[in-house]
Amino acid sequence: MAYNKNEFVLKEGTLQYGSWTNPHLIVPGTNPSASFVATDNLGYIRMGTFKLMITDTFVEYKAQTPHKIIRKDLLERIYKWQFTANQFNAGTMGLMFNMDVDTGVYTLMWIGNDAPVKFRYGYLLSGTKVDGTPFKAAIWDGEIVTEDKSINLIGTDYVDIPIEIQAFEGDTFLSNPNDEHNYGMIFQQESS
C-alpha cells in the first residue's frame, strides 16, 4: 500500500437524518447523495470520535480429534456508527431519548416514553479529505441504540452526547435477503 497524503479524512463534517429513496438503484455513475432527502442535522460531531463499526459473528463446524475447523459461515453482520455529538437541541434530544417534543412559546421535551420501538431514519455523514474530496457514509434505515445517554451540562467545553446508531435492513431490500447492499455504504467521488 503506497503512502498518499491526500487519502486522510480531514474533518468528519455534518450528520443529517432523513430518508433514502430507492437506494437499491444507486450505481457508480450517479451521485448517491441525490437519493437522500434530509429532515435535519443531528448535531456537530466532535473530531476523532466517529467510528464505523462492522461486527461479524460466525458459526463453525468442527470435526475430528483434535478439532479442525471444517467450515465457518457468517451468522450475523451488524453495521453501526458510534460518535460524540456536540449539539443540544430539541431534535437531537427527541431522537436520542425517544421523547415527545412539543414546541411553542416553550419547547417541552417530555421524559418518560418507555415505548420499545424508536423511529428509524436514513443517515448521511458528510466529511472532507485533505485534498477537498467529499467523503460520505450512509445508513439506509438506522435506529439510535445508545444505552448510556449521559450528558455533561454546562462547563468549559461543549456538551458531549454519545450516540450509537445501528443499521437495519432497508425496507426496499426485504424482498431479497441475500442483497449485499441492504445496510448502507461508504462512498467518495473519484478525482477527474
C-alpha atoms as a PDB file:
ATOM      1  CA  MET A   1       0.000   0.000   0.000  1.00  0.00           C
ATOM      2  CA  ALA A   2       1.540   3.278  -1.103  1.00  0.00           C
ATOM      3  CA  TYR A   3       1.588   6.370   1.089  1.00  0.00           C
ATOM      4  CA  ASN A   4      -0.762   9.076  -0.145  1.00  0.00           C
ATOM      5  CA  LYS A   5      -1.166  12.210   1.967  1.00  0.00           C
ATOM      6  CA  ASN A   6      -4.441  13.071   0.178  1.00  0.00           C
ATOM      7  CA  GLU A   7      -6.245   9.959   1.450  1.00  0.00           C
ATOM      8  CA  PHE A   8      -6.619  11.211   5.031  1.00  0.00           C
ATOM      9  CA  VAL A   9     -10.013  12.323   6.286  1.00  0.00           C
ATOM     10  CA  LEU A  10      -9.567  15.920   7.466  1.00  0.00           C
ATOM     11  CA  LYS A  11     -12.921  16.615   9.061  1.00  0.00           C
ATOM     12  CA  GLU A  12     -15.905  14.475   9.936  1.00  0.00           C
ATOM     13  CA  GLY A  13     -18.343  17.165   8.979  1.00  0.00           C
ATOM     14  CA  THR A  14     -22.062  17.017   9.488  1.00  0.00           C
ATOM     15  CA  LEU A  15     -24.522  14.237  10.123  1.00  0.00           C
ATOM     16  CA  GLN A  16     -28.033  14.508   8.728  1.00  0.00           C
ATOM     17  CA  TYR A  17     -31.048  12.282   9.189  1.00  0.00           C
ATOM     18  CA  GLY A  18     -33.945  11.882   6.777  1.00  0.00           C
ATOM     19  CA  SER A  19     -34.912   9.244   4.246  1.00  0.00           C
ATOM     20  CA  TRP A  20     -33.332   7.428   1.328  1.00  0.00           C
ATOM     21  CA  THR A  21     -35.414   6.949  -1.824  1.00  0.00           C
ATOM     22  CA  ASN A  22     -34.587   3.807  -3.813  1.00  0.00           C
ATOM     23  CA  PRO A  23     -31.032   3.225  -2.523  1.00  0.00           C
ATOM     24  CA  HIS A  24     -31.002  -0.139  -4.338  1.00  0.00           C
ATOM     25  CA  LEU A  25     -30.958   1.794  -7.640  1.00  0.00           C
ATOM     26  CA  ILE A  26     -27.673   3.631  -6.843  1.00  0.00           C
ATOM     27  CA  VAL A  27     -24.944   2.974  -9.423  1.00  0.00           C
ATOM     28  CA  PRO A  28     -21.353   4.298  -9.658  1.00  0.00           C
ATOM     29  CA  GLY A  29     -22.282   6.740 -12.461  1.00  0.00           C
ATOM     30  CA  THR A  30     -24.632   8.834 -10.307  1.00  0.00           C
ATOM     31  CA  ASN A  31     -24.274  10.786  -7.061  1.00  0.00           C
ATOM     32  CA  PRO A  32     -25.643   8.597  -4.229  1.00  0.00           C
ATOM     33  CA  SER A  33     -26.459  11.722  -2.181  1.00  0.00           C
ATOM     34  CA  ALA A  34     -29.164  12.583  -4.740  1.00  0.00           C
ATOM     35  CA  SER A  35     -31.223   9.718  -3.265  1.00  0.00           C
ATOM     36  CA  PHE A  36     -31.187  11.279   0.223  1.00  0.00           C
ATOM     37  CA  VAL A  37     -33.864  13.698   1.480  1.00  0.00           C
ATOM     38  CA  ALA A  38     -32.632  15.394   4.677  1.00  0.00           C
ATOM     39  CA  THR A  39     -35.005  16.211   7.524  1.00  0.00           C
ATOM     40  CA  ASP A  40     -32.494  17.918   9.837  1.00  0.00           C
ATOM     41  CA  ASN A  41     -28.941  17.841  11.226  1.00  0.00           C
ATOM     42  CA  LEU A  42     -28.260  15.546  14.155  1.00  0.00           C
ATOM     43  CA  GLY A  43     -25.544  17.832  15.518  1.00  0.00           C
ATOM     44  CA  TYR A  44     -21.910  18.758  15.284  1.00  0.00           C
ATOM     45  CA  ILE A  45     -19.570  15.769  15.572  1.00  0.00           C
ATOM     46  CA  ARG A  46     -16.533  16.001  17.821  1.00  0.00           C
ATOM     47  CA  MET A  47     -13.392  15.351  15.778  1.00  0.00           C
ATOM     48  CA  GLY A  48     -11.776  11.972  16.255  1.00  0.00           C
ATOM     49  CA  THR A  49     -14.796  10.295  17.843  1.00  0.00           C
ATOM     50  CA  PHE A  50     -16.539   8.845  14.777  1.00  0.00           C
ATOM     51  CA  LYS A  51     -16.244   5.070  14.395  1.00  0.00           C
ATOM     52  CA  LEU A  52     -17.739   2.994  11.583  1.00  0.00           C
ATOM     53  CA  MET A  53     -18.139  -0.482  13.037  1.00  0.00           C
ATOM     54  CA  ILE A  54     -18.872  -3.720  11.245  1.00  0.00           C
ATOM     55  CA  THR A  55     -19.188  -6.692  13.605  1.00  0.00           C
ATOM     56  CA  ASP A  56     -19.369 -10.226  12.248  1.00  0.00           C
ATOM     57  CA  THR A  57     -20.475 -13.338  14.141  1.00  0.00           C
ATOM     58  CA  PHE A  58     -19.636 -16.747  12.698  1.00  0.00           C
ATOM     59  CA  VAL A  59     -20.855 -20.293  13.240  1.00  0.00           C
ATOM     60  CA  GLU A  60     -18.244 -23.050  12.976  1.00  0.00           C
ATOM     61  CA  TYR A  61     -18.424 -26.724  12.169  1.00  0.00           C
ATOM     62  CA  LYS A  62     -15.606 -28.740  13.758  1.00  0.00           C
ATOM     63  CA  ALA A  63     -14.695 -32.373  13.203  1.00  0.00           C
ATOM     64  CA  GLN A  64     -12.102 -34.930  14.307  1.00  0.00           C
ATOM     65  CA  THR A  65      -9.963 -35.046  17.436  1.00  0.00           C
ATOM     66  CA  PRO A  66      -8.169 -32.774  17.909  1.00  0.00           C
ATOM     67  CA  HIS A  67     -10.805 -30.496  16.384  1.00  0.00           C
ATOM     68  CA  LYS A  68     -10.243 -28.977  12.996  1.00  0.00           C
ATOM     69  CA  ILE A  69     -12.483 -26.278  11.624  1.00  0.00           C
ATOM     70  CA  ILE A  70     -14.202 -27.707   8.557  1.00  0.00           C
ATOM     71  CA  ARG A  71     -16.490 -24.794   7.830  1.00  0.00           C
ATOM     72  CA  LYS A  72     -17.041 -21.242   9.092  1.00  0.00           C
ATOM     73  CA  ASP A  73     -20.131 -19.337   7.935  1.00  0.00           C
ATOM     74  CA  LEU A  74     -21.264 -15.787   8.552  1.00  0.00           C
ATOM     75  CA  LEU A  75     -24.160 -15.930  11.005  1.00  0.00           C
ATOM     76  CA  GLU A  76     -24.706 -12.227  11.667  1.00  0.00           C
ATOM     77  CA  ARG A  77     -23.400  -8.857  10.497  1.00  0.00           C
ATOM     78  CA  ILE A  78     -24.009  -5.620  12.386  1.00  0.00           C
ATOM     79  CA  TYR A  79     -23.197  -2.247  10.823  1.00  0.00           C
ATOM     80  CA  LYS A  80     -23.033   0.522  13.417  1.00  0.00           C
ATOM     81  CA  TRP A  81     -21.824   4.097  13.879  1.00  0.00           C
ATOM     82  CA  GLN A  82     -20.549   5.430  17.182  1.00  0.00           C
ATOM     83  CA  PHE A  83     -19.594   9.071  17.809  1.00  0.00           C
ATOM     84  CA  THR A  84     -19.904  12.071  20.090  1.00  0.00           C
ATOM     85  CA  ALA A  85     -22.256  14.877  19.100  1.00  0.00           C
ATOM     86  CA  ASN A  86     -21.931  18.409  20.465  1.00  0.00           C
ATOM     87  CA  GLN A  87     -25.359  19.881  19.872  1.00  0.00           C
ATOM     88  CA  PHE A  88     -28.063  20.306  22.479  1.00  0.00           C
ATOM     89  CA  ASN A  89     -31.361  20.869  20.663  1.00  0.00           C
ATOM     90  CA  ALA A  90     -34.889  19.500  20.765  1.00  0.00           C
ATOM     91  CA  GLY A  91     -34.484  17.456  17.584  1.00  0.00           C
ATOM     92  CA  THR A  92     -31.379  15.662  18.821  1.00  0.00           C
ATOM     93  CA  MET A  93     -32.885  15.116  22.255  1.00  0.00           C
ATOM     94  CA  GLY A  94     -36.097  13.725  20.772  1.00  0.00           C
ATOM     95  CA  LEU A  95     -34.134  11.226  18.683  1.00  0.00           C
ATOM     96  CA  MET A  96     -31.783  10.271  21.497  1.00  0.00           C
ATOM     97  CA  PHE A  97     -34.237   9.841  24.339  1.00  0.00           C
ATOM     98  CA  ASN A  98     -37.359   8.859  22.406  1.00  0.00           C
ATOM     99  CA  MET A  99     -39.027  11.951  23.876  1.00  0.00           C
ATOM    100  CA  ASP A 100     -42.281  13.585  22.976  1.00  0.00           C
ATOM    101  CA  VAL A 101     -41.291  17.127  21.951  1.00  0.00           C
ATOM    102  CA  ASP A 102     -43.847  19.983  21.965  1.00  0.00           C
ATOM    103  CA  THR A 103     -42.841  23.353  20.553  1.00  0.00           C
ATOM    104  CA  GLY A 104     -44.440  26.726  21.240  1.00  0.00           C
ATOM    105  CA  VAL A 105     -43.526  29.638  23.476  1.00  0.00           C
ATOM    106  CA  TYR A 106     -41.645  26.953  25.427  1.00  0.00           C
ATOM    107  CA  THR A 107     -40.099  23.837  23.913  1.00  0.00           C
ATOM    108  CA  LEU A 108     -41.157  20.907  26.085  1.00  0.00           C
ATOM    109  CA  MET A 109     -39.117  17.692  25.902  1.00  0.00           C
ATOM    110  CA  TRP A 110     -41.142  15.124  27.843  1.00  0.00           C
ATOM    111  CA  ILE A 111     -39.098  12.402  29.549  1.00  0.00           C
ATOM    112  CA  GLY A 112     -40.825   9.112  30.236  1.00  0.00           C
ATOM    113  CA  ASN A 113     -41.781   7.469  26.940  1.00  0.00           C
ATOM    114  CA  ASP A 114     -40.831   3.830  27.525  1.00  0.00           C
ATOM    115  CA  ALA A 115     -42.090   2.605  24.155  1.00  0.00           C
ATOM    116  CA  PRO A 116     -39.647  -0.080  22.959  1.00  0.00           C
ATOM    117  CA  VAL A 117     -39.868   0.949  19.305  1.00  0.00           C
ATOM    118  CA  LYS A 118     -37.971   4.053  18.276  1.00  0.00           C
ATOM    119  CA  PHE A 119     -38.197   5.874  14.975  1.00  0.00           C
ATOM    120  CA  ARG A 120     -35.862   4.772  12.220  1.00  0.00           C
ATOM    121  CA  TYR A 121     -34.316   7.199   9.770  1.00  0.00           C
ATOM    122  CA  GLY A 122     -31.821   7.250   6.964  1.00  0.00           C
ATOM    123  CA  TYR A 123     -28.478   8.854   7.863  1.00  0.00           C
ATOM    124  CA  LEU A 124     -25.822  10.635   5.786  1.00  0.00           C
ATOM    125  CA  LEU A 125     -22.398  11.565   7.158  1.00  0.00           C
ATOM    126  CA  SER A 126     -20.578  14.195   5.043  1.00  0.00           C
ATOM    127  CA  GLY A 127     -16.877  14.796   5.683  1.00  0.00           C
ATOM    128  CA  THR A 128     -13.919  16.039   3.667  1.00  0.00           C
ATOM    129  CA  LYS A 129     -10.463  14.647   2.928  1.00  0.00           C
ATOM    130  CA  VAL A 130      -7.336  16.806   2.955  1.00  0.00           C
ATOM    131  CA  ASP A 131      -7.453  17.272  -0.830  1.00  0.00           C
ATOM    132  CA  GLY A 132     -11.016  18.647  -0.599  1.00  0.00           C
ATOM    133  CA  THR A 133     -12.688  15.461  -1.876  1.00  0.00           C
ATOM    134  CA  PRO A 134     -16.009  14.753  -0.140  1.00  0.00           C
ATOM    135  CA  PHE A 135     -16.101  11.546   1.884  1.00  0.00           C
ATOM    136  CA  LYS A 136     -19.539  10.192   2.807  1.00  0.00           C
ATOM    137  CA  ALA A 137     -21.130   7.281   4.611  1.00  0.00           C
ATOM    138  CA  ALA A 138     -24.765   6.204   4.593  1.00  0.00           C
ATOM    139  CA  ILE A 139     -27.169   4.088   6.603  1.00  0.00           C
ATOM    140  CA  TRP A 140     -30.441   3.379   4.789  1.00  0.00           C
ATOM    141  CA  ASP A 141     -32.551   2.534   7.833  1.00  0.00           C
ATOM    142  CA  GLY A 142     -30.938   3.269  11.208  1.00  0.00           C
ATOM    143  CA  GLU A 143     -32.074   3.443  14.794  1.00  0.00           C
ATOM    144  CA  ILE A 144     -30.330   5.166  17.694  1.00  0.00           C
ATOM    145  CA  VAL A 145     -29.456   2.350  20.107  1.00  0.00           C
ATOM    146  CA  THR A 146     -27.306   4.257  22.625  1.00  0.00           C
ATOM    147  CA  GLU A 147     -27.653   2.663  26.054  1.00  0.00           C
ATOM    148  CA  ASP A 148     -25.840   5.196  28.236  1.00  0.00           C
ATOM    149  CA  LYS A 149     -27.302   8.590  27.367  1.00  0.00           C
ATOM    150  CA  SER A 150     -25.359  10.631  29.907  1.00  0.00           C
ATOM    151  CA  ILE A 151     -24.988  14.315  29.075  1.00  0.00           C
ATOM    152  CA  ASN A 152     -22.443  16.625  30.689  1.00  0.00           C
ATOM    153  CA  LEU A 153     -24.089  20.010  31.091  1.00  0.00           C
ATOM    154  CA  ILE A 154     -22.527  23.468  31.225  1.00  0.00           C
ATOM    155  CA  GLY A 155     -18.756  23.622  31.665  1.00  0.00           C
ATOM    156  CA  THR A 156     -15.684  24.918  29.875  1.00  0.00           C
ATOM    157  CA  ASP A 157     -16.252  22.756  26.808  1.00  0.00           C
ATOM    158  CA  TYR A 158     -19.117  21.838  24.504  1.00  0.00           C
ATOM    159  CA  VAL A 159     -21.816  19.459  25.717  1.00  0.00           C
ATOM    160  CA  ASP A 160     -20.986  15.849  24.794  1.00  0.00           C
ATOM    161  CA  ILE A 161     -23.726  13.453  23.723  1.00  0.00           C
ATOM    162  CA  PRO A 162     -22.512   9.895  22.991  1.00  0.00           C
ATOM    163  CA  ILE A 163     -24.526   8.409  20.124  1.00  0.00           C
ATOM    164  CA  GLU A 164     -24.687   4.926  18.644  1.00  0.00           C
ATOM    165  CA  ILE A 165     -26.704   4.197  15.500  1.00  0.00           C
ATOM    166  CA  GLN A 166     -27.338   0.671  14.243  1.00  0.00           C
ATOM    167  CA  ALA A 167     -28.258  -0.104  10.654  1.00  0.00           C
ATOM    168  CA  PHE A 168     -31.206  -2.356   9.944  1.00  0.00           C
ATOM    169  CA  GLU A 169     -32.121  -3.856   6.609  1.00  0.00           C
ATOM    170  CA  GLY A 170     -33.729  -1.161   4.460  1.00  0.00           C
ATOM    171  CA  ASP A 171     -37.404  -1.686   3.588  1.00  0.00           C
ATOM    172  CA  THR A 172     -36.717  -1.780  -0.137  1.00  0.00           C
ATOM    173  CA  PHE A 173     -34.275  -4.681   0.325  1.00  0.00           C
ATOM    174  CA  LEU A 174     -36.561  -7.023   2.265  1.00  0.00           C
ATOM    175  CA  SER A 175     -37.619  -8.846  -0.900  1.00  0.00           C
ATOM    176  CA  ASN A 176     -34.040 -10.084  -1.398  1.00  0.00           C
ATOM    177  CA  PRO A 177     -32.418 -11.161   1.888  1.00  0.00           C
ATOM    178  CA  ASN A 178     -29.149 -12.017   0.119  1.00  0.00           C
ATOM    179  CA  ASP A 179     -28.619  -8.491  -1.232  1.00  0.00           C
ATOM    180  CA  GLU A 180     -25.245  -7.211  -0.008  1.00  0.00           C
ATOM    181  CA  HIS A 181     -26.380  -3.580  -0.452  1.00  0.00           C
ATOM    182  CA  ASN A 182     -29.080  -3.611   2.217  1.00  0.00           C
ATOM    183  CA  TYR A 183     -27.470  -1.775   5.194  1.00  0.00           C
ATOM    184  CA  GLY A 184     -25.631   1.226   3.797  1.00  0.00           C
ATOM    185  CA  MET A 185     -22.432   2.310   2.066  1.00  0.00           C
ATOM    186  CA  ILE A 186     -19.274   4.416   2.172  1.00  0.00           C
ATOM    187  CA  PHE A 187     -18.575   6.498  -0.929  1.00  0.00           C
ATOM    188  CA  GLN A 188     -16.435   9.241  -2.412  1.00  0.00           C
ATOM    189  CA  GLN A 189     -16.205  10.962  -5.765  1.00  0.00           C
ATOM    190  CA  GLU A 190     -13.286   9.947  -7.928  1.00  0.00           C
ATOM    191  CA  SER A 191     -10.877  12.739  -8.881  1.00  0.00           C
ATOM    192  CA  SER A 192     -11.156  13.822 -12.518  1.00  0.00           C
END
